[in-house]
C-alpha atoms as a PDB file:
ATOM      1  CA  MET A   1       0.000   0.000   0.000  1.00  0.00           C
ATOM      2  CA  HIS A   2       1.334   3.412  -0.980  1.00  0.00           C
ATOM      3  CA  VAL A   3       0.187   6.422   1.060  1.00  0.00           C
ATOM      4  CA  LEU A   4       0.899   9.993  -0.028  1.00  0.00           C
ATOM      5  CA  ILE A   5       0.941  12.590   2.747  1.00  0.00           C
ATOM      6  CA  LEU A   6       0.625  16.178   1.594  1.00  0.00           C
ATOM      7  CA  GLY A   7       2.658  17.621   4.422  1.00  0.00           C
ATOM      8  CA  GLY A   8       4.332  20.650   5.876  1.00  0.00           C
ATOM      9  CA  THR A   9       2.630  20.585   9.281  1.00  0.00           C
ATOM     10  CA  THR A  10       3.286  19.091  12.695  1.00  0.00           C
ATOM     11  CA  GLU A  11       0.369  16.734  12.119  1.00  0.00           C
ATOM     12  CA  ALA A  12       1.806  15.500   8.819  1.00  0.00           C
ATOM     13  CA  ARG A  13       5.137  14.727  10.434  1.00  0.00           C
ATOM     14  CA  GLY A  14       3.376  13.027  13.337  1.00  0.00           C
ATOM     15  CA  LEU A  15       1.424  10.844  10.921  1.00  0.00           C
ATOM     16  CA  ALA A  16       4.592   9.844   9.059  1.00  0.00           C
ATOM     17  CA  GLU A  17       6.245   8.976  12.376  1.00  0.00           C
ATOM     18  CA  LEU A  18       3.308   6.815  13.455  1.00  0.00           C
ATOM     19  CA  LEU A  19       3.292   4.956  10.149  1.00  0.00           C
ATOM     20  CA  ALA A  20       7.066   4.450  10.326  1.00  0.00           C
ATOM     21  CA  ALA A  21       6.736   3.041  13.842  1.00  0.00           C
ATOM     22  CA  ASP A  22       4.091   0.630  12.550  1.00  0.00           C
ATOM     23  CA  ALA A  23       6.883  -1.034  10.536  1.00  0.00           C
ATOM     24  CA  ARG A  24       4.509  -2.748   8.125  1.00  0.00           C
ATOM     25  CA  PRO A  25       6.580  -4.225   5.294  1.00  0.00           C
ATOM     26  CA  ASP A  26       3.708  -3.746   2.856  1.00  0.00           C
ATOM     27  CA  LEU A  27       3.269  -0.039   3.620  1.00  0.00           C
ATOM     28  CA  ARG A  28       5.093   2.663   1.672  1.00  0.00           C
ATOM     29  CA  VAL A  29       4.785   6.286   2.776  1.00  0.00           C
ATOM     30  CA  THR A  30       5.742   9.362   0.770  1.00  0.00           C
ATOM     31  CA  THR A  31       5.491  12.850   2.245  1.00  0.00           C
ATOM     32  CA  SER A  32       5.293  15.748  -0.191  1.00  0.00           C
ATOM     33  CA  LEU A  33       6.538  19.187   0.896  1.00  0.00           C
ATOM     34  CA  ALA A  34       5.859  22.346  -1.057  1.00  0.00           C
ATOM     35  CA  GLY A  35       9.441  23.569  -0.717  1.00  0.00           C
ATOM     36  CA  ARG A  36       8.584  26.991   0.686  1.00  0.00           C
ATOM     37  CA  VAL A  37      10.789  26.521   3.769  1.00  0.00           C
ATOM     38  CA  ALA A  38      14.526  26.510   3.160  1.00  0.00           C
ATOM     39  CA  ALA A  39      15.371  23.883   5.784  1.00  0.00           C
ATOM     40  CA  PRO A  40      12.217  21.895   6.618  1.00  0.00           C
ATOM     41  CA  ARG A  41      12.072  19.282   9.332  1.00  0.00           C
ATOM     42  CA  LEU A  42      11.979  16.102   7.282  1.00  0.00           C
ATOM     43  CA  PRO A  43       9.678  13.279   8.372  1.00  0.00           C
ATOM     44  CA  PRO A  44      10.627   9.600   8.176  1.00  0.00           C
ATOM     45  CA  GLY A  45       9.954   7.728   4.978  1.00  0.00           C
ATOM     46  CA  GLN A  46      10.308   8.944   1.425  1.00  0.00           C
ATOM     47  CA  VAL A  47      10.132  12.714   0.888  1.00  0.00           C
ATOM     48  CA  ARG A  48       9.527  14.684  -2.287  1.00  0.00           C
ATOM     49  CA  ILE A  49       9.864  18.467  -2.429  1.00  0.00           C
ATOM     50  CA  GLY A  50       8.152  20.765  -4.906  1.00  0.00           C
ATOM     51  CA  GLY A  51       4.833  21.195  -6.655  1.00  0.00           C
ATOM     52  CA  PHE A  52       3.013  18.686  -8.838  1.00  0.00           C
ATOM     53  CA  GLY A  53       1.952  21.015 -11.626  1.00  0.00           C
ATOM     54  CA  GLY A  54      -1.678  21.559 -10.689  1.00  0.00           C
ATOM     55  CA  VAL A  55      -4.574  19.125 -10.624  1.00  0.00           C
ATOM     56  CA  ASP A  56      -3.554  17.213 -13.759  1.00  0.00           C
ATOM     57  CA  GLY A  57       0.033  16.872 -12.576  1.00  0.00           C
ATOM     58  CA  LEU A  58      -1.004  15.529  -9.185  1.00  0.00           C
ATOM     59  CA  ALA A  59      -3.517  13.101 -10.714  1.00  0.00           C
ATOM     60  CA  ALA A  60      -0.811  11.806 -13.062  1.00  0.00           C
ATOM     61  CA  TRP A  61       1.633  11.436 -10.147  1.00  0.00           C
ATOM     62  CA  LEU A  62      -0.911   9.421  -8.170  1.00  0.00           C
ATOM     63  CA  ALA A  63      -1.390   7.045 -11.089  1.00  0.00           C
ATOM     64  CA  GLU A  64       2.299   6.779 -12.004  1.00  0.00           C
ATOM     65  CA  HIS A  65       3.359   6.021  -8.427  1.00  0.00           C
ATOM     66  CA  ARG A  66       0.426   3.713  -7.718  1.00  0.00           C
ATOM     67  CA  VAL A  67      -0.841   5.676  -4.734  1.00  0.00           C
ATOM     68  CA  ASP A  68      -3.619   3.930  -2.796  1.00  0.00           C
ATOM     69  CA  ALA A  69      -4.568   6.726  -0.379  1.00  0.00           C
ATOM     70  CA  VAL A  70      -3.883  10.441   0.047  1.00  0.00           C
ATOM     71  CA  VAL A  71      -3.876  12.372   3.320  1.00  0.00           C
ATOM     72  CA  ASP A  72      -4.095  16.137   2.946  1.00  0.00           C
ATOM     73  CA  ALA A  73      -2.218  17.320   6.027  1.00  0.00           C
ATOM     74  CA  THR A  74      -1.250  20.707   4.612  1.00  0.00           C
ATOM     75  CA  HIS A  75      -1.543  23.977   6.513  1.00  0.00           C
ATOM     76  CA  PRO A  76      -5.137  25.101   7.162  1.00  0.00           C
ATOM     77  CA  PHE A  77      -4.467  28.125   4.933  1.00  0.00           C
ATOM     78  CA  ALA A  78      -3.093  26.097   2.002  1.00  0.00           C
ATOM     79  CA  ARG A  79      -6.427  26.513   0.222  1.00  0.00           C
ATOM     80  CA  ALA A  80      -5.234  25.919  -3.344  1.00  0.00           C
ATOM     81  CA  MET A  81      -3.438  22.684  -2.477  1.00  0.00           C
ATOM     82  CA  SER A  82      -6.459  21.266  -0.641  1.00  0.00           C
ATOM     83  CA  PHE A  83      -8.776  21.940  -3.579  1.00  0.00           C
ATOM     84  CA  ASN A  84      -6.221  20.574  -6.051  1.00  0.00           C
ATOM     85  CA  ALA A  85      -5.877  17.440  -3.944  1.00  0.00           C
ATOM     86  CA  ALA A  86      -9.638  16.914  -3.884  1.00  0.00           C
ATOM     87  CA  ARG A  87      -9.958  17.268  -7.657  1.00  0.00           C
ATOM     88  CA  ALA A  88      -6.894  15.138  -8.401  1.00  0.00           C
ATOM     89  CA  ALA A  89      -7.928  12.341  -6.042  1.00  0.00           C
ATOM     90  CA  THR A  90     -11.360  12.227  -7.654  1.00  0.00           C
ATOM     91  CA  ALA A  91      -9.839  12.145 -11.131  1.00  0.00           C
ATOM     92  CA  ALA A  92      -7.430   9.351 -10.170  1.00  0.00           C
ATOM     93  CA  GLY A  93     -10.006   7.390  -8.183  1.00  0.00           C
ATOM     94  CA  VAL A  94      -7.895   7.509  -5.009  1.00  0.00           C
ATOM     95  CA  PRO A  95      -9.485   7.947  -1.558  1.00  0.00           C
ATOM     96  CA  LEU A  96      -8.634  11.211   0.172  1.00  0.00           C
ATOM     97  CA  LEU A  97      -8.643  12.177   3.847  1.00  0.00           C
ATOM     98  CA  ALA A  98      -8.122  15.658   5.285  1.00  0.00           C
ATOM     99  CA  LEU A  99      -6.055  15.826   8.468  1.00  0.00           C
ATOM    100  CA  ARG A 100      -6.940  19.248   9.892  1.00  0.00           C
ATOM    101  CA  ARG A 101      -6.075  20.477  13.341  1.00  0.00           C
ATOM    102  CA  PRO A 102      -8.988  22.205  15.102  1.00  0.00           C
ATOM    103  CA  GLY A 103      -9.086  25.984  14.979  1.00  0.00           C
ATOM    104  CA  TRP A 104      -8.556  28.135  18.040  1.00  0.00           C
ATOM    105  CA  GLN A 105     -11.495  29.269  20.136  1.00  0.00           C
ATOM    106  CA  PRO A 106     -11.602  32.526  22.126  1.00  0.00           C
ATOM    107  CA  ALA A 107     -11.375  32.197  25.890  1.00  0.00           C
ATOM    108  CA  ALA A 108     -12.552  34.459  28.684  1.00  0.00           C
ATOM    109  CA  GLY A 109     -10.590  37.695  28.583  1.00  0.00           C
ATOM    110  CA  ASP A 110      -9.705  37.516  24.888  1.00  0.00           C
ATOM    111  CA  ARG A 111     -10.150  40.655  22.773  1.00  0.00           C
ATOM    112  CA  TRP A 112     -10.433  39.090  19.351  1.00  0.00           C
ATOM    113  CA  HIS A 113     -11.229  40.943  16.134  1.00  0.00           C
ATOM    114  CA  GLU A 114     -11.987  38.500  13.317  1.00  0.00           C
ATOM    115  CA  ALA A 115     -10.980  39.187   9.723  1.00  0.00           C
ATOM    116  CA  GLY A 116     -11.825  37.336   6.549  1.00  0.00           C
ATOM    117  CA  SER A 117      -8.476  38.003   4.874  1.00  0.00           C
ATOM    118  CA  LEU A 118      -5.073  39.542   5.434  1.00  0.00           C
ATOM    119  CA  GLU A 119      -6.264  42.696   3.698  1.00  0.00           C
ATOM    120  CA  GLU A 120      -9.193  42.936   6.080  1.00  0.00           C
ATOM    121  CA  ALA A 121      -6.826  42.357   8.998  1.00  0.00           C
ATOM    122  CA  ALA A 122      -4.655  45.249   7.825  1.00  0.00           C
ATOM    123  CA  ALA A 123      -7.712  47.508   7.618  1.00  0.00           C
ATOM    124  CA  LEU A 124      -8.670  46.642  11.208  1.00  0.00           C
ATOM    125  CA  LEU A 125      -5.353  47.808  12.657  1.00  0.00           C
ATOM    126  CA  SER A 126      -6.209  51.499  12.551  1.00  0.00           C
ATOM    127  CA  GLY A 127      -7.030  52.517  16.089  1.00  0.00           C
ATOM    128  CA  LEU A 128      -6.000  49.232  17.697  1.00  0.00           C
ATOM    129  CA  GLY A 129      -2.334  50.002  18.260  1.00  0.00           C
ATOM    130  CA  ALA A 130       0.963  51.156  16.815  1.00  0.00           C
ATOM    131  CA  ARG A 131       3.365  48.273  17.612  1.00  0.00           C
ATOM    132  CA  ILE A 132       2.145  45.117  15.963  1.00  0.00           C
ATOM    133  CA  PHE A 133       3.325  41.528  16.349  1.00  0.00           C
ATOM    134  CA  LEU A 134       2.626  39.994  12.934  1.00  0.00           C
ATOM    135  CA  THR A 135       2.637  36.179  12.879  1.00  0.00           C
ATOM    136  CA  THR A 136       0.853  35.467   9.598  1.00  0.00           C
ATOM    137  CA  GLY A 137       3.891  34.094   7.758  1.00  0.00           C
ATOM    138  CA  ARG A 138       6.314  35.640   5.309  1.00  0.00           C
ATOM    139  CA  THR A 139       4.224  35.336   2.149  1.00  0.00           C
ATOM    140  CA  GLY A 140       1.339  37.668   3.029  1.00  0.00           C
ATOM    141  CA  LEU A 141       3.182  40.820   4.028  1.00  0.00           C
ATOM    142  CA  ALA A 142       2.075  42.677   0.908  1.00  0.00           C
ATOM    143  CA  ALA A 143      -1.312  43.195   2.577  1.00  0.00           C
ATOM    144  CA  PHE A 144       0.414  45.388   5.190  1.00  0.00           C
ATOM    145  CA  ALA A 145       2.933  47.097   2.910  1.00  0.00           C
ATOM    146  CA  ASP A 146       0.953  50.336   2.634  1.00  0.00           C
ATOM    147  CA  LEU A 147       0.803  50.863   6.402  1.00  0.00           C
ATOM    148  CA  VAL A 148       3.565  53.413   6.942  1.00  0.00           C
ATOM    149  CA  ASP A 149       2.798  54.521  10.507  1.00  0.00           C
ATOM    150  CA  PRO A 150       2.700  51.286  12.575  1.00  0.00           C
ATOM    151  CA  TRP A 151       5.842  49.384  13.527  1.00  0.00           C
ATOM    152  CA  PHE A 152       5.792  45.638  12.877  1.00  0.00           C
ATOM    153  CA  LEU A 153       7.599  42.737  14.482  1.00  0.00           C
ATOM    154  CA  VAL A 154       7.379  39.959  11.884  1.00  0.00           C
ATOM    155  CA  ARG A 155       8.116  36.398  12.972  1.00  0.00           C
ATOM    156  CA  SER A 156       8.718  33.778  10.306  1.00  0.00           C
ATOM    157  CA  VAL A 157      10.832  30.708   9.661  1.00  0.00           C
ATOM    158  CA  ASP A 158      12.592  32.209   6.630  1.00  0.00           C
ATOM    159  CA  PRO A 159      13.320  35.859   5.752  1.00  0.00           C
ATOM    160  CA  PRO A 160      10.327  37.599   4.134  1.00  0.00           C
ATOM    161  CA  GLN A 161      10.527  39.215   0.725  1.00  0.00           C
ATOM    162  CA  ALA A 162       9.185  42.546  -0.494  1.00  0.00           C
ATOM    163  CA  PRO A 163       6.695  44.063  -0.581  1.00  0.00           C
ATOM    164  CA  HIS A 164       6.447  44.439   3.171  1.00  0.00           C
ATOM    165  CA  PRO A 165       5.782  47.209   5.716  1.00  0.00           C
ATOM    166  CA  PRO A 166       8.447  49.927   5.697  1.00  0.00           C
ATOM    167  CA  ARG A 167       8.834  49.945   9.498  1.00  0.00           C
ATOM    168  CA  MET A 168       9.563  46.320  10.278  1.00  0.00           C
ATOM    169  CA  GLU A 169      11.864  44.115  12.337  1.00  0.00           C
ATOM    170  CA  VAL A 170      12.157  40.432  11.422  1.00  0.00           C
ATOM    171  CA  LEU A 171      12.469  37.657  13.984  1.00  0.00           C
ATOM    172  CA  LEU A 172      13.480  34.312  12.459  1.00  0.00           C
ATOM    173  CA  ASP A 173      12.147  31.513  14.620  1.00  0.00           C
ATOM    174  CA  ARG A 174       9.889  28.481  14.499  1.00  0.00           C
ATOM    175  CA  GLY A 175       7.644  26.832  17.067  1.00  0.00           C
ATOM    176  CA  PRO A 176       6.808  25.291  19.338  1.00  0.00           C
ATOM    177  CA  PHE A 177       6.777  28.338  21.593  1.00  0.00           C
ATOM    178  CA  ALA A 178       6.158  28.686  25.335  1.00  0.00           C
ATOM    179  CA  VAL A 179       3.939  31.198  27.124  1.00  0.00           C
ATOM    180  CA  GLU A 180       6.844  32.525  29.191  1.00  0.00           C
ATOM    181  CA  GLY A 181       8.855  33.297  26.074  1.00  0.00           C
ATOM    182  CA  GLU A 182       5.888  34.889  24.296  1.00  0.00           C
ATOM    183  CA  ARG A 183       5.138  36.994  27.362  1.00  0.00           C
ATOM    184  CA  ALA A 184       8.714  38.275  27.448  1.00  0.00           C
ATOM    185  CA  LEU A 185       8.642  38.958  23.704  1.00  0.00           C
ATOM    186  CA  LEU A 186       5.559  41.146  23.988  1.00  0.00           C
ATOM    187  CA  ARG A 187       7.116  43.140  26.835  1.00  0.00           C
ATOM    188  CA  ARG A 188      10.521  43.529  25.217  1.00  0.00           C
ATOM    189  CA  HIS A 189       9.108  44.914  21.979  1.00  0.00           C
ATOM    190  CA  ARG A 190       6.262  46.851  23.648  1.00  0.00           C
ATOM    191  CA  ILE A 191       3.693  45.103  21.473  1.00  0.00           C
ATOM    192  CA  ASP A 192       0.142  46.439  21.681  1.00  0.00           C
ATOM    193  CA  VAL A 193      -1.558  44.369  18.921  1.00  0.00           C
ATOM    194  CA  LEU A 194      -1.182  40.743  17.799  1.00  0.00           C
ATOM    195  CA  VAL A 195      -2.141  39.644  14.282  1.00  0.00           C
ATOM    196  CA  THR A 196      -2.382  35.930  13.525  1.00  0.00           C
ATOM    197  CA  LYS A 197      -4.060  33.405  11.290  1.00  0.00           C
ATOM    198  CA  ASP A 198      -6.316  30.811  12.896  1.00  0.00           C
ATOM    199  CA  SER A 199      -3.747  28.098  12.331  1.00  0.00           C
ATOM    200  CA  GLY A 200      -4.826  26.084  15.349  1.00  0.00           C
ATOM    201  CA  GLY A 201      -2.657  23.624  17.227  1.00  0.00           C
ATOM    202  CA  ALA A 202      -0.571  23.912  20.374  1.00  0.00           C
ATOM    203  CA  ALA A 203       2.799  24.885  18.867  1.00  0.00           C
ATOM    204  CA  THR A 204       1.968  28.564  18.346  1.00  0.00           C
ATOM    205  CA  ALA A 205      -1.024  28.981  20.667  1.00  0.00           C
ATOM    206  CA  PRO A 206       1.024  30.405  23.602  1.00  0.00           C
ATOM    207  CA  LYS A 207       1.081  33.836  21.916  1.00  0.00           C
ATOM    208  CA  LEU A 208      -2.705  33.955  22.372  1.00  0.00           C
ATOM    209  CA  ALA A 209      -2.376  33.218  26.083  1.00  0.00           C
ATOM    210  CA  ALA A 210       0.325  35.884  26.449  1.00  0.00           C
ATOM    211  CA  ALA A 211      -1.827  38.447  24.618  1.00  0.00           C
ATOM    212  CA  ARG A 212      -4.796  37.557  26.823  1.00  0.00           C
ATOM    213  CA  GLU A 213      -2.728  38.083  29.982  1.00  0.00           C
ATOM    214  CA  ALA A 214      -1.566  41.468  28.711  1.00  0.00           C
ATOM    215  CA  GLY A 215      -5.070  42.518  27.666  1.00  0.00           C
ATOM    216  CA  LEU A 216      -3.962  43.058  24.055  1.00  0.00           C
ATOM    217  CA  PRO A 217      -6.320  43.088  21.071  1.00  0.00           C
ATOM    218  CA  VAL A 218      -5.797  40.170  18.682  1.00  0.00           C
ATOM    219  CA  VAL A 219      -6.731  40.263  15.005  1.00  0.00           C
ATOM    220  CA  VAL A 220      -7.507  36.698  13.935  1.00  0.00           C
ATOM    221  CA  VAL A 221      -7.759  35.828  10.243  1.00  0.00           C
ATOM    222  CA  ARG A 222     -10.436  33.203   9.694  1.00  0.00           C
ATOM    223  CA  ARG A 223      -9.656  30.004   7.816  1.00  0.00           C
ATOM    224  CA  PRO A 224     -10.485  29.748   4.121  1.00  0.00           C
ATOM    225  CA  PRO A 225     -13.187  27.332   2.911  1.00  0.00           C
ATOM    226  CA  THR A 226     -12.314  23.681   2.375  1.00  0.00           C
ATOM    227  CA  PRO A 227     -13.436  21.205  -0.299  1.00  0.00           C
ATOM    228  CA  GLU A 228     -16.850  19.695   0.312  1.00  0.00           C
ATOM    229  CA  GLY A 229     -17.329  15.967   0.649  1.00  0.00           C
ATOM    230  CA  VAL A 230     -13.810  15.175   1.900  1.00  0.00           C
ATOM    231  CA  PRO A 231     -13.778  13.226   5.189  1.00  0.00           C
ATOM    232  CA  ALA A 232     -11.699  14.918   7.860  1.00  0.00           C
ATOM    233  CA  VAL A 233     -10.044  13.948  11.125  1.00  0.00           C
ATOM    234  CA  ALA A 234      -8.250  16.059  13.724  1.00  0.00           C
ATOM    235  CA  THR A 235      -5.363  13.838  14.834  1.00  0.00           C
ATOM    236  CA  PRO A 236      -2.624  11.708  13.259  1.00  0.00           C
ATOM    237  CA  GLU A 237      -3.909   8.725  15.240  1.00  0.00           C
ATOM    238  CA  ALA A 238      -7.328   9.020  13.615  1.00  0.00           C
ATOM    239  CA  ALA A 239      -5.638   9.275  10.210  1.00  0.00           C
ATOM    240  CA  VAL A 240      -3.778   6.021  10.906  1.00  0.00           C
ATOM    241  CA  ASP A 241      -7.099   4.305  11.652  1.00  0.00           C
ATOM    242  CA  TRP A 242      -8.495   5.584   8.347  1.00  0.00           C
ATOM    243  CA  ILE A 243      -5.456   4.328   6.429  1.00  0.00           C
ATOM    244  CA  ARG A 244      -5.727   0.902   8.016  1.00  0.00           C
ATOM    245  CA  SER A 245      -9.377   0.697   6.970  1.00  0.00           C
ATOM    246  CA  THR A 246      -8.665   1.740   3.378  1.00  0.00           C
ATOM    247  CA  PRO A 247      -8.299  -1.186   0.989  1.00  0.00           C
ATOM    248  CA  THR A 248      -5.381  -1.266  -1.392  1.00  0.00           C
ATOM    249  CA  ALA A 249      -6.532  -0.070  -4.784  1.00  0.00           C
ATOM    250  CA  ALA A 250      -6.147  -2.233  -7.864  1.00  0.00           C
ATOM    251  CA  HIS A 251      -4.252  -0.083 -10.391  1.00  0.00           C
END
């Protein structure tokens, strides 16, 4: 049985690790990474890096490599890849599962302002504060590039590229993070607004707790829509159960 994991997340790596620990001689696992991170944490098993060439390219890859099941464990904001995976799996006749971590939920004391996009998040910043902790990744900074008055602390794994805000400091780091460290970061940089995507998961959630303690407003970008009709689970363990129940396809 050949399983393709569309990866790039903690959950994808956890799934690959669980399948590797299973040590089934008849199970082959390939994790695909988009290649957007310069030095990704590689999971066990076979790894391919780079795009497939759209829906047709992915469907052809599934057929050529005799894939029996696909698990879409990409980032919750990787909208294009999730829709491409759904269309390609249907075209190739391969079962598809979405492994999606649950989104964050506001707790007592949170001052959340929800936005439907990065552009909407940028528009909400007026009046909320002047020193902004921006944790939306390095690829969406163009939405904030026209904001010349606020100062931004941008945290990302790799250096961001232009266009970006003119008043900006970059912090290169990757999770998991701890509340104590996030608390100190907010104090050190005198942050008065946090901007984040609803990525979910525990690795980067401590910033929300630190912002709550400090009484800071948080602009939260809602998740994009997902393909309809694709079964979804929230944990790597549940994905393993689905894989075990999926019969090997006859190519």
